[in-house]
C-alpha atoms as a PDB file:
ATOM      1  CA  UNK A   1     -13.611  -8.225 -26.891  1.00  0.00           C
ATOM      2  CA  UNK A   2     -12.689  -9.808 -23.575  1.00  0.00           C
ATOM      3  CA  UNK A   3      -9.171  -8.345 -23.751  1.00  0.00           C
ATOM      4  CA  UNK A   4     -10.571  -4.845 -24.253  1.00  0.00           C
ATOM      5  CA  UNK A   5     -12.864  -5.194 -21.265  1.00  0.00           C
ATOM      6  CA  UNK A   6     -10.031  -6.455 -19.063  1.00  0.00           C
ATOM      7  CA  UNK A   7      -7.767  -3.656 -20.266  1.00  0.00           C
ATOM      8  CA  UNK A   8     -10.287  -0.938 -19.453  1.00  0.00           C
ATOM      9  CA  UNK A   9     -11.203  -2.579 -16.164  1.00  0.00           C
ATOM     10  CA  UNK A  10      -7.535  -2.656 -15.173  1.00  0.00           C
ATOM     11  CA  UNK A  11      -7.131   1.007 -16.061  1.00  0.00           C
ATOM     12  CA  UNK A  12     -10.197   1.947 -14.022  1.00  0.00           C
ATOM     13  CA  UNK A  13      -9.010  -0.020 -10.986  1.00  0.00           C
ATOM     14  CA  UNK A  14      -5.607   1.642 -11.262  1.00  0.00           C
ATOM     15  CA  UNK A  15      -7.111   5.144 -11.405  1.00  0.00           C
ATOM     16  CA  UNK A  16      -9.413   4.462  -8.455  1.00  0.00           C
ATOM     17  CA  UNK A  17      -6.476   3.062  -6.489  1.00  0.00           C
ATOM     18  CA  UNK A  18      -4.368   6.131  -7.170  1.00  0.00           C
ATOM     19  CA  UNK A  19      -7.176   8.474  -6.129  1.00  0.00           C
ATOM     20  CA  UNK A  20      -7.673   6.631  -2.851  1.00  0.00           C
ATOM     21  CA  UNK A  21      -3.939   6.778  -2.143  1.00  0.00           C
ATOM     22  CA  UNK A  22      -4.227  10.542  -1.686  1.00  0.00           C
ATOM     23  CA  UNK A  23      -7.133  10.463   0.768  1.00  0.00           C
ATOM     24  CA  UNK A  24      -7.089  12.718   3.822  1.00  0.00           C
ATOM     25  CA  UNK A  25      -6.369  11.378   7.280  1.00  0.00           C
ATOM     26  CA  UNK A  26      -9.149  11.440   9.889  1.00  0.00           C
ATOM     27  CA  UNK A  27      -9.091  14.141  12.577  1.00  0.00           C
ATOM     28  CA  UNK A  28      -7.342  13.388  15.890  1.00  0.00           C
ATOM     29  CA  UNK A  29      -9.470  11.910  18.692  1.00  0.00           C
ATOM     30  CA  UNK A  30     -10.996  14.269  21.282  1.00  0.00           C
ATOM     31  CA  UNK A  31     -10.719  17.185  18.896  1.00  0.00           C
ATOM     32  CA  UNK A  32      -6.918  16.981  19.031  1.00  0.00           C
ATOM     33  CA  UNK A  33      -6.727  18.167  22.634  1.00  0.00           C
ATOM     34  CA  UNK A  34      -4.505  16.099  24.930  1.00  0.00           C
ATOM     35  CA  UNK A  35      -4.780  18.419  27.910  1.00  0.00           C
ATOM     36  CA  UNK A  36      -1.090  19.340  27.642  1.00  0.00           C
ATOM     37  CA  UNK A  37      -1.573  22.000  25.007  1.00  0.00           C
ATOM     38  CA  UNK A  38      -0.484  19.722  22.129  1.00  0.00           C
ATOM     39  CA  UNK A  39      -2.328  17.596  19.635  1.00  0.00           C
ATOM     40  CA  UNK A  40      -2.553  13.824  19.506  1.00  0.00           C
ATOM     41  CA  UNK A  41      -1.051  12.355  16.304  1.00  0.00           C
ATOM     42  CA  UNK A  42      -3.349   9.812  14.664  1.00  0.00           C
ATOM     43  CA  UNK A  43      -1.595   6.479  14.225  1.00  0.00           C
ATOM     44  CA  UNK A  44       1.553   7.669  15.936  1.00  0.00           C
ATOM     45  CA  UNK A  45       2.619   9.748  12.932  1.00  0.00           C
ATOM     46  CA  UNK A  46       3.920   6.745  10.937  1.00  0.00           C
ATOM     47  CA  UNK A  47       4.391   7.637   7.243  1.00  0.00           C
ATOM     48  CA  UNK A  48       2.704   5.207   4.840  1.00  0.00           C
ATOM     49  CA  UNK A  49       2.721   7.291   1.659  1.00  0.00           C
ATOM     50  CA  UNK A  50       5.828   5.758   0.116  1.00  0.00           C
ATOM     51  CA  UNK A  51       4.577   2.238   0.824  1.00  0.00           C
ATOM     52  CA  UNK A  52       1.340   2.889  -1.030  1.00  0.00           C
ATOM     53  CA  UNK A  53       3.214   4.311  -4.019  1.00  0.00           C
ATOM     54  CA  UNK A  54       5.534   1.290  -4.095  1.00  0.00           C
ATOM     55  CA  UNK A  55       2.568  -1.085  -3.953  1.00  0.00           C
ATOM     56  CA  UNK A  56       0.797   0.737  -6.788  1.00  0.00           C
ATOM     57  CA  UNK A  57       3.948   0.677  -8.951  1.00  0.00           C
ATOM     58  CA  UNK A  58       4.480  -3.035  -8.350  1.00  0.00           C
ATOM     59  CA  UNK A  59       0.861  -3.829  -9.170  1.00  0.00           C
ATOM     60  CA  UNK A  60       1.061  -1.779 -12.374  1.00  0.00           C
ATOM     61  CA  UNK A  61       4.228  -3.648 -13.381  1.00  0.00           C
ATOM     62  CA  UNK A  62       2.506  -6.969 -12.672  1.00  0.00           C
ATOM     63  CA  UNK A  63      -0.510  -6.049 -14.800  1.00  0.00           C
ATOM     64  CA  UNK A  64       1.755  -4.848 -17.611  1.00  0.00           C
ATOM     65  CA  UNK A  65       3.714  -8.100 -17.575  1.00  0.00           C
ATOM     66  CA  UNK A  66       0.528 -10.157 -17.604  1.00  0.00           C
ATOM     67  CA  UNK A  67      -0.874  -8.168 -20.516  1.00  0.00           C
ATOM     68  CA  UNK A  68       2.354  -8.464 -22.500  1.00  0.00           C
ATOM     69  CA  UNK A  69       2.530 -12.254 -22.013  1.00  0.00           C
ATOM     70  CA  UNK A  70      -1.154 -12.553 -22.933  1.00  0.00           C
ATOM     71  CA  UNK A  71      -0.509 -10.825 -26.278  1.00  0.00           C
ATOM     72  CA  UNK A  72       2.187 -13.359 -27.159  1.00  0.00           C
END
Protein backbone atom coordinates (compact mmCIF):
# COMPACT_ATOMS: atom_id res chain seq x y z
CA UNK A 1 0.00 0.00 0.00
CA UNK A 2 2.77 2.41 0.91
CA UNK A 3 4.54 1.78 -2.40
CA UNK A 4 1.38 2.63 -4.34
CA UNK A 5 0.94 5.87 -2.45
CA UNK A 6 4.57 6.87 -3.04
CA UNK A 7 4.29 5.96 -6.71
CA UNK A 8 1.20 8.09 -7.25
CA UNK A 9 2.61 10.92 -5.17
CA UNK A 10 5.77 10.90 -7.28
CA UNK A 11 3.73 10.99 -10.48
CA UNK A 12 1.66 13.91 -9.20
CA UNK A 13 4.74 15.89 -8.16
CA UNK A 14 6.28 15.24 -11.57
CA UNK A 15 3.17 16.45 -13.42
CA UNK A 16 2.89 19.57 -11.27
CA UNK A 17 6.58 20.28 -11.83
CA UNK A 18 6.23 19.97 -15.58
CA UNK A 19 3.21 22.28 -15.64
CA UNK A 20 5.05 24.94 -13.65
CA UNK A 21 8.03 24.71 -16.00
CA UNK A 22 5.90 26.25 -18.76
CA UNK A 23 4.66 29.23 -16.74
CA UNK A 24 4.57 32.67 -18.33
CA UNK A 25 7.11 35.33 -17.48
CA UNK A 26 5.94 38.46 -15.64
CA UNK A 27 5.48 41.69 -17.61
CA UNK A 28 8.41 44.12 -17.86
CA UNK A 29 8.65 46.85 -15.20
CA UNK A 30 7.15 50.28 -15.94
CA UNK A 31 4.88 48.80 -18.57
CA UNK A 32 7.90 47.93 -20.73
CA UNK A 33 8.70 51.55 -21.53
CA UNK A 34 12.35 52.56 -21.10
CA UNK A 35 11.95 56.03 -22.55
CA UNK A 36 14.12 55.12 -25.55
CA UNK A 37 11.33 53.53 -27.53
CA UNK A 38 12.35 49.96 -26.61
CA UNK A 39 11.23 47.51 -23.98
CA UNK A 40 13.09 46.41 -20.88
CA UNK A 41 13.85 42.66 -20.87
CA UNK A 42 12.93 41.00 -17.57
CA UNK A 43 15.93 39.24 -16.05
CA UNK A 44 18.26 40.37 -18.80
CA UNK A 45 16.82 37.89 -21.30
CA UNK A 46 18.72 34.89 -19.87
CA UNK A 47 17.23 31.59 -21.12
CA UNK A 48 16.43 29.11 -18.34
CA UNK A 49 14.13 26.73 -20.22
CA UNK A 50 16.74 24.10 -21.02
CA UNK A 51 18.00 24.09 -17.43
CA UNK A 52 14.54 23.36 -16.09
CA UNK A 53 14.07 20.51 -18.57
CA UNK A 54 17.45 19.03 -17.61
CA UNK A 55 16.58 19.24 -13.92
CA UNK A 56 13.21 17.55 -14.47
CA UNK A 57 14.82 14.74 -16.50
CA UNK A 58 17.49 14.14 -13.86
CA UNK A 59 14.91 14.06 -11.08
CA UNK A 60 12.76 11.61 -13.04
CA UNK A 61 15.80 9.37 -13.58
CA UNK A 62 16.59 9.54 -9.86
CA UNK A 63 13.05 8.57 -8.89
CA UNK A 64 13.06 5.72 -11.42
CA UNK A 65 16.33 4.37 -10.05
CA UNK A 66 15.07 4.57 -6.48
CA UNK A 67 11.85 2.77 -7.39
CA UNK A 68 13.72 0.04 -9.28
CA UNK A 69 16.11 -0.60 -6.37
CA UNK A 70 13.18 -0.62 -3.94
CA UNK A 71 11.49 -3.41 -5.93
CA UNK A 72 14.59 -5.60 -5.65
